[in-house]
């Protein structure tokens, strides 16, 4: 039986693997009910749903099973209270240097961790704060403001780096 259990886990994608050291208590139920479920499930389906929270967590792969409430990798990344306690590499290192060489002085540095949504939001805030705006008020009758880099492009780079764990 134990061998069959191990095979079943090995056949699952990494993100739905149970984290044997994490329990359902390591997941933020309030966030699950107020943020995740409304974004993932249609309101009429939620209204008609009579599942327990454990069954909902299992159906969305946040825990291994309703009767085995071990948090999964996905659960920790999406609604974990302390994600890095279980997934030490689940963070983004923001670093801005004064120049273009790695030996230049550091202008700003921050380790950004938490759930994936928190990391993306905080990284977006950091990128916006560092993306300078050029102001041209001499070439026309109205001032013209231009971001140094298109925000959408910077967001795409950041999201791709997170997605590819790069």
Protein backbone atom coordinates (compact mmCIF):
# COMPACT_ATOMS: atom_id res chain seq x y z
CA UNK A 1 0.00 0.00 0.00
CA UNK A 2 2.80 2.44 0.87
CA UNK A 3 4.48 1.73 -2.47
CA UNK A 4 1.23 2.46 -4.35
CA UNK A 5 0.86 5.71 -2.40
CA UNK A 6 4.40 6.78 -3.37
CA UNK A 7 3.77 5.93 -7.03
CA UNK A 8 0.56 7.94 -7.03
CA UNK A 9 2.41 10.99 -5.65
CA UNK A 10 5.26 10.58 -8.12
CA UNK A 11 2.80 10.64 -11.03
CA UNK A 12 1.36 13.99 -9.95
CA UNK A 13 2.74 17.30 -11.24
CA UNK A 14 5.12 19.03 -8.81
CA UNK A 15 2.70 21.78 -7.86
CA UNK A 16 0.10 19.35 -6.50
CA UNK A 17 2.60 17.24 -4.54
CA UNK A 18 1.80 17.24 -0.82
CA UNK A 19 4.36 18.92 1.42
CA UNK A 20 4.63 16.36 4.21
CA UNK A 21 5.70 18.96 6.76
CA UNK A 22 2.83 21.37 5.99
CA UNK A 23 -0.69 21.10 7.32
CA UNK A 24 -3.96 22.79 6.51
CA UNK A 25 -3.15 25.26 9.30
CA UNK A 26 -0.30 26.60 7.18
CA UNK A 27 -2.84 27.84 4.63
CA UNK A 28 -4.77 31.10 4.89
CA UNK A 29 -8.43 30.03 4.78
CA UNK A 30 -9.69 33.60 4.79
CA UNK A 31 -7.65 34.40 1.70
CA UNK A 32 -8.87 31.19 0.06
CA UNK A 33 -12.53 32.04 0.67
CA UNK A 34 -12.40 35.79 0.03
CA UNK A 35 -9.85 36.02 -2.83
CA UNK A 36 -9.08 32.71 -4.49
CA UNK A 37 -12.52 31.08 -4.74
CA UNK A 38 -14.34 34.17 -6.08
CA UNK A 39 -11.63 34.59 -8.73
CA UNK A 40 -11.56 30.91 -9.71
CA UNK A 41 -15.21 29.84 -9.49
CA UNK A 42 -18.34 31.43 -10.92
CA UNK A 43 -20.61 33.09 -8.30
CA UNK A 44 -23.60 30.86 -9.10
CA UNK A 45 -21.45 27.74 -8.68
CA UNK A 46 -20.20 29.02 -5.32
CA UNK A 47 -23.77 29.79 -4.27
CA UNK A 48 -24.89 26.23 -5.03
CA UNK A 49 -21.78 24.68 -3.46
CA UNK A 50 -22.41 22.72 -0.28
CA UNK A 51 -18.86 21.39 0.13
CA UNK A 52 -16.89 21.85 3.32
CA UNK A 53 -13.83 24.10 3.24
CA UNK A 54 -11.65 20.97 3.33
CA UNK A 55 -13.47 19.58 0.29
CA UNK A 56 -13.09 22.90 -1.54
CA UNK A 57 -9.37 23.02 -0.69
CA UNK A 58 -8.96 19.45 -1.97
CA UNK A 59 -10.97 20.14 -5.16
CA UNK A 60 -8.71 23.11 -5.97
CA UNK A 61 -5.56 21.07 -5.11
CA UNK A 62 -4.58 23.29 -2.18
CA UNK A 63 -4.46 20.18 0.04
CA UNK A 64 -3.82 16.55 -0.87
CA UNK A 65 -7.33 15.33 0.02
CA UNK A 66 -10.23 16.33 2.28
CA UNK A 67 -9.49 13.40 4.59
CA UNK A 68 -5.72 14.02 4.37
CA UNK A 69 -5.32 17.79 4.86
CA UNK A 70 -1.64 18.07 3.94
CA UNK A 71 -0.92 21.33 2.14
CA UNK A 72 0.37 20.99 -1.43
CA UNK A 73 3.09 23.04 -3.12
CA UNK A 74 0.31 24.88 -4.98
CA UNK A 75 -1.54 25.59 -1.75
CA UNK A 76 1.57 27.07 -0.16
CA UNK A 77 2.36 29.19 -3.23
CA UNK A 78 -1.20 30.51 -3.58
CA UNK A 79 -2.53 30.81 -0.01
CA UNK A 80 0.37 29.88 2.26
CA UNK A 81 0.90 31.89 5.42
CA UNK A 82 4.70 31.47 5.39
CA UNK A 83 5.59 30.16 1.95
CA UNK A 84 9.37 30.28 2.35
CA UNK A 85 9.22 28.17 5.50
CA UNK A 86 8.40 25.24 3.22
CA UNK A 87 9.74 26.42 -0.16
CA UNK A 88 13.00 28.29 0.64
CA UNK A 89 13.55 29.37 -2.98
CA UNK A 90 10.10 30.94 -3.36
CA UNK A 91 11.22 34.55 -3.48
CA UNK A 92 12.44 37.24 -5.86
CA UNK A 93 15.66 39.15 -5.27
CA UNK A 94 15.27 42.74 -6.52
CA UNK A 95 18.56 44.51 -7.12
CA UNK A 96 19.21 47.88 -8.71
CA UNK A 97 22.78 48.93 -9.30
CA UNK A 98 24.12 52.42 -9.92
CA UNK A 99 25.57 51.39 -13.29
CA UNK A 100 25.54 48.49 -15.71
CA UNK A 101 28.29 46.38 -14.11
CA UNK A 102 27.74 43.97 -11.24
CA UNK A 103 30.51 45.61 -9.20
CA UNK A 104 28.71 48.99 -9.16
CA UNK A 105 27.24 50.32 -5.89
CA UNK A 106 23.79 49.05 -4.93
CA UNK A 107 21.02 51.67 -5.23
CA UNK A 108 18.22 49.44 -3.92
CA UNK A 109 17.86 45.81 -2.89
CA UNK A 110 14.99 43.79 -1.50
CA UNK A 111 14.08 40.15 -0.98
CA UNK A 112 10.41 39.80 -1.96
CA UNK A 113 8.56 36.74 -0.70
CA UNK A 114 5.08 35.53 0.17
CA UNK A 115 2.40 34.04 -2.02
CA UNK A 116 2.82 34.33 -5.78
CA UNK A 117 0.19 37.10 -5.89
CA UNK A 118 2.00 39.04 -3.16
CA UNK A 119 5.36 38.65 -4.89
CA UNK A 120 3.98 39.85 -8.24
CA UNK A 121 2.20 42.82 -6.62
CA UNK A 122 5.23 43.92 -4.58
CA UNK A 123 7.57 43.47 -7.54
CA UNK A 124 5.22 45.58 -9.70
CA UNK A 125 5.33 48.31 -7.05
CA UNK A 126 9.13 48.15 -7.00
CA UNK A 127 9.38 48.33 -10.80
CA UNK A 128 6.97 51.29 -10.95
CA UNK A 129 8.97 53.11 -8.29
CA UNK A 130 12.22 52.64 -10.24
CA UNK A 131 10.90 53.30 -13.75
CA UNK A 132 11.78 56.95 -14.23
CA UNK A 133 9.55 59.33 -16.17
CA UNK A 134 11.09 61.69 -18.71
CA UNK A 135 9.41 65.07 -18.96
CA UNK A 136 9.76 67.12 -22.15
CA UNK A 137 8.32 70.62 -21.82
CA UNK A 138 10.47 72.38 -24.42
CA UNK A 139 9.55 70.75 -27.74
CA UNK A 140 5.85 71.65 -27.76
CA UNK A 141 3.11 73.71 -26.18
CA UNK A 142 2.28 70.93 -23.70
CA UNK A 143 4.60 68.87 -21.58
CA UNK A 144 5.07 65.28 -22.66
CA UNK A 145 5.76 62.50 -20.14
CA UNK A 146 7.34 59.24 -21.21
CA UNK A 147 8.31 56.29 -19.04
CA UNK A 148 11.91 55.24 -19.45
CA UNK A 149 10.74 51.68 -20.13
CA UNK A 150 7.23 50.50 -21.08
CA UNK A 151 5.65 49.25 -17.86
CA UNK A 152 3.96 46.32 -19.61
CA UNK A 153 7.33 45.13 -20.93
CA UNK A 154 8.92 45.26 -17.46
CA UNK A 155 5.94 43.40 -15.97
CA UNK A 156 6.22 40.74 -18.68
CA UNK A 157 9.92 40.26 -17.96
CA UNK A 158 9.26 39.96 -14.22
CA UNK A 159 6.35 37.51 -14.63
CA UNK A 160 8.33 35.36 -17.06
CA UNK A 161 11.23 35.23 -14.60
CA UNK A 162 8.88 34.15 -11.80
CA UNK A 163 7.10 31.61 -13.99
CA UNK A 164 10.37 30.05 -15.16
CA UNK A 165 11.98 30.30 -11.69
CA UNK A 166 14.75 32.34 -13.23
